[in-house]
Amino acid sequence: MSVLRFACALSVAVAGFAVTPASAQFFLQSRILKGEPVNGDEPGIGQPLPGASAAELRAGLVWNMRAALNVAALQCQFEPTLLTVDNYNAMLRDHKDELKTSFDTLTKYFTRINKTPKAGQTALDQFGTRVYSSYATVAAQYGFCQTASAIGRDVIFAPRGEFGQVAQARTRELRNSLVPFGEQRFSYYLGQDRSTMPRLEAACWNKKAQWVTKKCGVQAWPPAAPANTAALAAN
């Protein structure tokens, strides 16, 4: 192969790696969490907005997505390659006009459906608190952080004025990520089955450091490898 052809092949390979996002920060294979687009009034998507117009529902989705990416920026910093903080800050700059419009739309909605402006402000504050709380997760943190990272990247590359379209397309996926699934390629984390400790009581060992079966029964150490580990090794 000539030097020129080798250089061309190398550049293509490097370009391919450059555009491929990291997808294995936590799992050998992540669960597919994608879902259908939403309008904002589906059960389980977010805080309900009774009697809301299409524009108000869209504003609610935008605010839900903003809150989720904010939670991710705070909760996912343990894995810097996810860029959740950078994504969130870039989103605030790139989509500030649409975010303001959405907030104003929600403010008018809560003022409209409540008897007084004060009651409307209280309802808006409660809405915001509940939205943020709905994205707090511990058991599903890995899946949520990985999903929020991917969505945040799409948000900052979306043209200005189209934040709402991303929210409609990806909110169900984000909600799906709040359910813990774990590793999909294997039924256990590699090495997890080696956490068992042997019995160390003095009564179970004689002076020659030999196990005393009569006192403690058959020694169950080291633990037997699970069947799926043996199958994996065979493959």
Protein backbone atom coordinates (compact mmCIF):
# COMPACT_ATOMS: atom_id res chain seq x y z
CA MET A 1 0.00 0.00 0.00
CA SER A 2 1.41 3.41 -0.92
CA VAL A 3 2.01 6.09 1.70
CA LEU A 4 -0.79 8.21 0.22
CA ARG A 5 -3.32 5.36 0.31
CA PHE A 6 -2.32 4.48 3.88
CA ALA A 7 -2.72 8.10 4.98
CA CYS A 8 -6.18 8.29 3.40
CA ALA A 9 -7.28 5.05 5.06
CA LEU A 10 -5.96 6.24 8.43
CA SER A 11 -7.76 9.57 8.16
CA VAL A 12 -11.06 7.83 7.39
CA ALA A 13 -10.62 5.50 10.37
CA VAL A 14 -9.81 8.41 12.70
CA ALA A 15 -12.81 10.35 11.44
CA GLY A 16 -15.04 7.36 12.12
CA PHE A 17 -13.85 7.18 15.72
CA ALA A 18 -14.21 10.92 16.15
CA VAL A 19 -17.91 11.00 15.31
CA THR A 20 -18.81 7.92 17.35
CA PRO A 21 -20.02 8.94 20.84
CA ALA A 22 -18.87 7.03 23.90
CA SER A 23 -21.58 4.55 24.80
CA ALA A 24 -19.95 2.16 27.26
CA GLN A 25 -19.12 4.27 30.29
CA PHE A 26 -21.00 1.85 32.55
CA PHE A 27 -22.22 -1.21 30.66
CA LEU A 28 -20.87 -3.54 28.02
CA GLN A 29 -24.29 -3.16 26.41
CA SER A 30 -26.80 -0.50 27.47
CA ARG A 31 -30.52 -1.17 27.35
CA ILE A 32 -32.43 0.41 24.45
CA LEU A 33 -34.71 2.97 26.09
CA LYS A 34 -36.14 4.84 23.10
CA GLY A 35 -39.87 5.51 23.04
CA GLU A 36 -42.56 7.15 20.95
CA PRO A 37 -42.82 10.96 20.72
CA VAL A 38 -45.19 12.62 23.17
CA ASN A 39 -47.48 15.64 23.27
CA GLY A 40 -47.14 16.23 27.01
CA ASP A 41 -50.53 15.02 28.24
CA GLU A 42 -49.68 11.29 28.33
CA PRO A 43 -49.77 9.54 31.75
CA GLY A 44 -46.39 9.24 33.46
CA ILE A 45 -44.61 11.75 31.21
CA GLY A 46 -44.59 14.65 33.64
CA GLN A 47 -46.67 16.73 36.01
CA PRO A 48 -50.24 16.97 34.67
CA LEU A 49 -51.43 20.27 33.17
CA PRO A 50 -55.26 19.97 33.08
CA GLY A 51 -56.91 22.02 30.36
CA ALA A 52 -53.59 23.07 28.81
CA SER A 53 -53.36 24.10 25.17
CA ALA A 54 -50.89 22.53 22.75
CA ALA A 55 -48.49 25.45 23.29
CA GLU A 56 -48.76 25.08 27.07
CA LEU A 57 -48.14 21.34 26.87
CA ARG A 58 -45.06 21.97 24.74
CA ALA A 59 -43.85 24.53 27.28
CA GLY A 60 -44.30 21.92 30.00
CA LEU A 61 -42.18 19.43 28.06
CA VAL A 62 -39.45 22.02 27.54
CA TRP A 63 -39.39 22.82 31.24
CA ASN A 64 -39.34 19.12 32.14
CA MET A 65 -36.37 18.58 29.84
CA ARG A 66 -34.56 21.62 31.21
CA ALA A 67 -35.09 20.34 34.76
CA ALA A 68 -33.86 16.84 33.84
CA LEU A 69 -30.67 18.19 32.26
CA ASN A 70 -30.13 20.38 35.31
CA VAL A 71 -30.47 17.37 37.62
CA ALA A 72 -28.06 15.45 35.38
CA ALA A 73 -25.55 18.30 35.54
CA LEU A 74 -25.59 18.05 39.33
CA GLN A 75 -25.94 14.29 39.72
CA CYS A 76 -23.68 12.92 36.97
CA GLN A 77 -20.42 14.77 37.54
CA PHE A 78 -18.84 11.55 38.80
CA GLU A 79 -18.36 10.64 35.10
CA PRO A 80 -16.84 13.71 33.37
CA THR A 81 -16.92 12.15 29.88
CA LEU A 82 -20.72 12.45 29.90
CA LEU A 83 -20.31 16.26 29.67
CA THR A 84 -23.61 16.83 31.47
CA VAL A 85 -22.44 20.13 32.97
CA ASP A 86 -21.11 21.45 29.65
CA ASN A 87 -24.27 20.33 27.85
CA TYR A 88 -26.51 22.06 30.38
CA ASN A 89 -24.60 25.35 30.30
CA ALA A 90 -24.54 25.34 26.50
CA MET A 91 -28.28 24.64 26.43
CA LEU A 92 -28.98 27.67 28.64
CA ARG A 93 -27.03 29.90 26.24
CA ASP A 94 -28.25 28.46 22.93
CA HIS A 95 -31.92 28.14 23.81
CA LYS A 96 -32.40 31.00 26.28
CA ASP A 97 -35.19 32.61 24.21
CA GLU A 98 -37.24 29.43 23.95
CA LEU A 99 -36.69 28.68 27.63
CA LYS A 100 -37.95 32.15 28.57
CA THR A 101 -40.97 31.79 26.28
CA SER A 102 -41.79 28.42 27.83
CA PHE A 103 -41.54 29.78 31.36
CA ASP A 104 -43.74 32.75 30.48
CA THR A 105 -46.29 30.39 28.89
CA LEU A 106 -46.38 28.22 32.03
CA THR A 107 -46.72 31.31 34.23
CA LYS A 108 -49.77 32.44 32.24
CA TYR A 109 -51.23 28.93 32.37
CA PHE A 110 -51.08 28.70 36.16
CA THR A 111 -52.42 32.25 36.49
CA ARG A 112 -55.31 31.34 34.18
CA ILE A 113 -56.41 28.17 35.98
CA ASN A 114 -56.13 29.62 39.51
CA LYS A 115 -58.36 32.21 41.15
CA THR A 116 -55.66 34.71 42.09
CA PRO A 117 -52.15 35.59 40.84
CA LYS A 118 -50.74 34.52 44.22
CA ALA A 119 -52.36 31.11 43.94
CA GLY A 120 -51.05 30.84 40.39
CA GLN A 121 -47.50 31.62 41.53
CA THR A 122 -47.77 29.03 44.31
CA ALA A 123 -48.97 26.42 41.82
CA LEU A 124 -46.12 27.29 39.45
CA ASP A 125 -43.57 26.91 42.27
CA GLN A 126 -45.05 23.54 43.24
CA PHE A 127 -44.96 22.43 39.62
CA GLY A 128 -41.26 23.27 39.36
CA THR A 129 -40.39 21.49 42.61
CA ARG A 130 -42.27 18.34 41.60
CA VAL A 131 -40.69 18.31 38.15
CA TYR A 132 -37.18 18.44 39.61
CA SER A 133 -37.99 15.81 42.23
CA SER A 134 -39.35 13.45 39.57
CA TYR A 135 -35.88 13.10 38.04
CA ALA A 136 -34.05 12.21 41.26
CA THR A 137 -32.82 8.63 41.07
CA VAL A 138 -30.27 6.40 42.78
CA ALA A 139 -30.85 2.85 41.55
CA ALA A 140 -31.11 3.99 37.92
CA GLN A 141 -28.42 6.65 38.06
CA TYR A 142 -26.17 5.10 35.40
CA GLY A 143 -28.95 4.75 32.85
CA PHE A 144 -30.34 8.20 33.57
CA CYS A 145 -26.95 9.89 33.34
CA GLN A 146 -26.05 8.17 30.09
CA THR A 147 -29.44 9.02 28.53
CA ALA A 148 -29.36 12.63 29.73
CA SER A 149 -25.89 12.99 28.23
CA ALA A 150 -27.06 11.82 24.81
CA ILE A 151 -30.15 14.03 24.90
CA GLY A 152 -28.15 17.03 26.09
CA ARG A 153 -25.83 16.63 23.12
CA ASP A 154 -28.81 16.58 20.75
CA VAL A 155 -30.28 19.66 22.43
CA ILE A 156 -27.20 21.81 21.92
CA PHE A 157 -27.00 20.78 18.25
CA ALA A 158 -30.71 21.48 17.68
CA PRO A 159 -31.43 24.77 15.86
CA ARG A 160 -32.66 27.57 18.07
CA GLY A 161 -36.40 27.39 18.45
CA GLU A 162 -36.48 23.59 18.20
CA PHE A 163 -35.81 22.66 21.82
CA GLY A 164 -39.48 21.72 22.09
CA GLN A 165 -39.17 19.25 19.22
CA VAL A 166 -36.30 17.48 20.97
CA ALA A 167 -38.35 17.39 24.18
CA GLN A 168 -41.31 15.86 22.37
CA ALA A 169 -39.11 13.25 20.71
CA ARG A 170 -36.94 12.25 23.71
CA THR A 171 -38.98 12.75 26.91
CA ARG A 172 -40.35 9.20 26.96
CA GLU A 173 -36.81 7.85 26.55
CA LEU A 174 -35.69 10.00 29.46
CA ARG A 175 -38.54 8.70 31.62
CA ASN A 176 -37.68 5.13 30.64
CA SER A 177 -34.14 5.70 31.91
CA LEU A 178 -35.44 6.24 35.45
CA VAL A 179 -36.19 2.50 35.71
CA PRO A 180 -33.06 0.52 36.74
CA PHE A 181 -32.08 -2.11 34.16
CA GLY A 182 -28.31 -2.59 34.49
CA GLU A 183 -26.14 -4.69 32.22
CA GLN A 184 -27.91 -6.17 29.17
CA ARG A 185 -25.17 -8.32 27.65
CA PHE A 186 -24.68 -10.45 30.79
CA SER A 187 -27.00 -11.22 33.69
CA TYR A 188 -24.53 -10.01 36.31
CA TYR A 189 -21.65 -7.59 36.72
CA LEU A 190 -18.34 -9.27 35.94
CA GLY A 191 -16.57 -10.08 39.21
CA GLN A 192 -19.63 -9.47 41.40
CA ASP A 193 -19.87 -13.17 42.27
CA ARG A 194 -16.46 -13.00 44.00
CA SER A 195 -17.66 -10.82 46.91
CA THR A 196 -18.29 -13.81 49.27
CA MET A 197 -15.89 -14.19 52.22
CA PRO A 198 -14.88 -17.50 53.88
CA ARG A 199 -15.80 -18.24 57.49
CA LEU A 200 -12.97 -17.11 59.73
CA GLU A 201 -14.23 -18.13 63.18
CA ALA A 202 -11.50 -19.75 65.32
CA ALA A 203 -13.77 -22.70 66.08
CA CYS A 204 -13.76 -23.71 62.40
CA TRP A 205 -9.95 -24.11 62.20
CA ASN A 206 -7.51 -26.33 64.10
CA LYS A 207 -4.00 -25.44 65.19
CA LYS A 208 -2.63 -26.48 61.80
CA ALA A 209 -4.94 -23.98 60.05
CA GLN A 210 -7.05 -26.83 58.69
CA TRP A 211 -10.82 -26.62 58.31
CA VAL A 212 -12.76 -28.60 60.96
CA THR A 213 -15.71 -30.14 59.13
CA LYS A 214 -17.19 -31.71 62.29
CA LYS A 215 -17.70 -28.28 63.87
CA CYS A 216 -18.61 -26.08 60.88
CA GLY A 217 -19.79 -28.44 58.16
CA VAL A 218 -18.47 -28.66 54.61
CA GLN A 219 -16.42 -25.66 53.67
CA ALA A 220 -18.10 -23.64 50.89
CA TRP A 221 -15.02 -21.76 49.77
CA PRO A 222 -14.01 -20.75 47.16
CA PRO A 223 -17.52 -20.29 45.76
CA ALA A 224 -18.41 -22.22 42.64
CA ALA A 225 -18.41 -20.21 39.41
CA PRO A 226 -21.96 -19.62 38.07
CA ALA A 227 -23.05 -21.55 35.01
CA ASN A 228 -23.15 -18.48 32.77
CA THR A 229 -19.50 -17.74 33.63
CA ALA A 230 -18.50 -21.25 32.51
CA ALA A 231 -20.49 -20.83 29.31
CA LEU A 232 -18.85 -17.47 28.66
CA ALA A 233 -15.38 -18.96 29.17
CA ALA A 234 -16.21 -21.80 26.79
CA ASN A 235 -17.17 -19.33 24.08
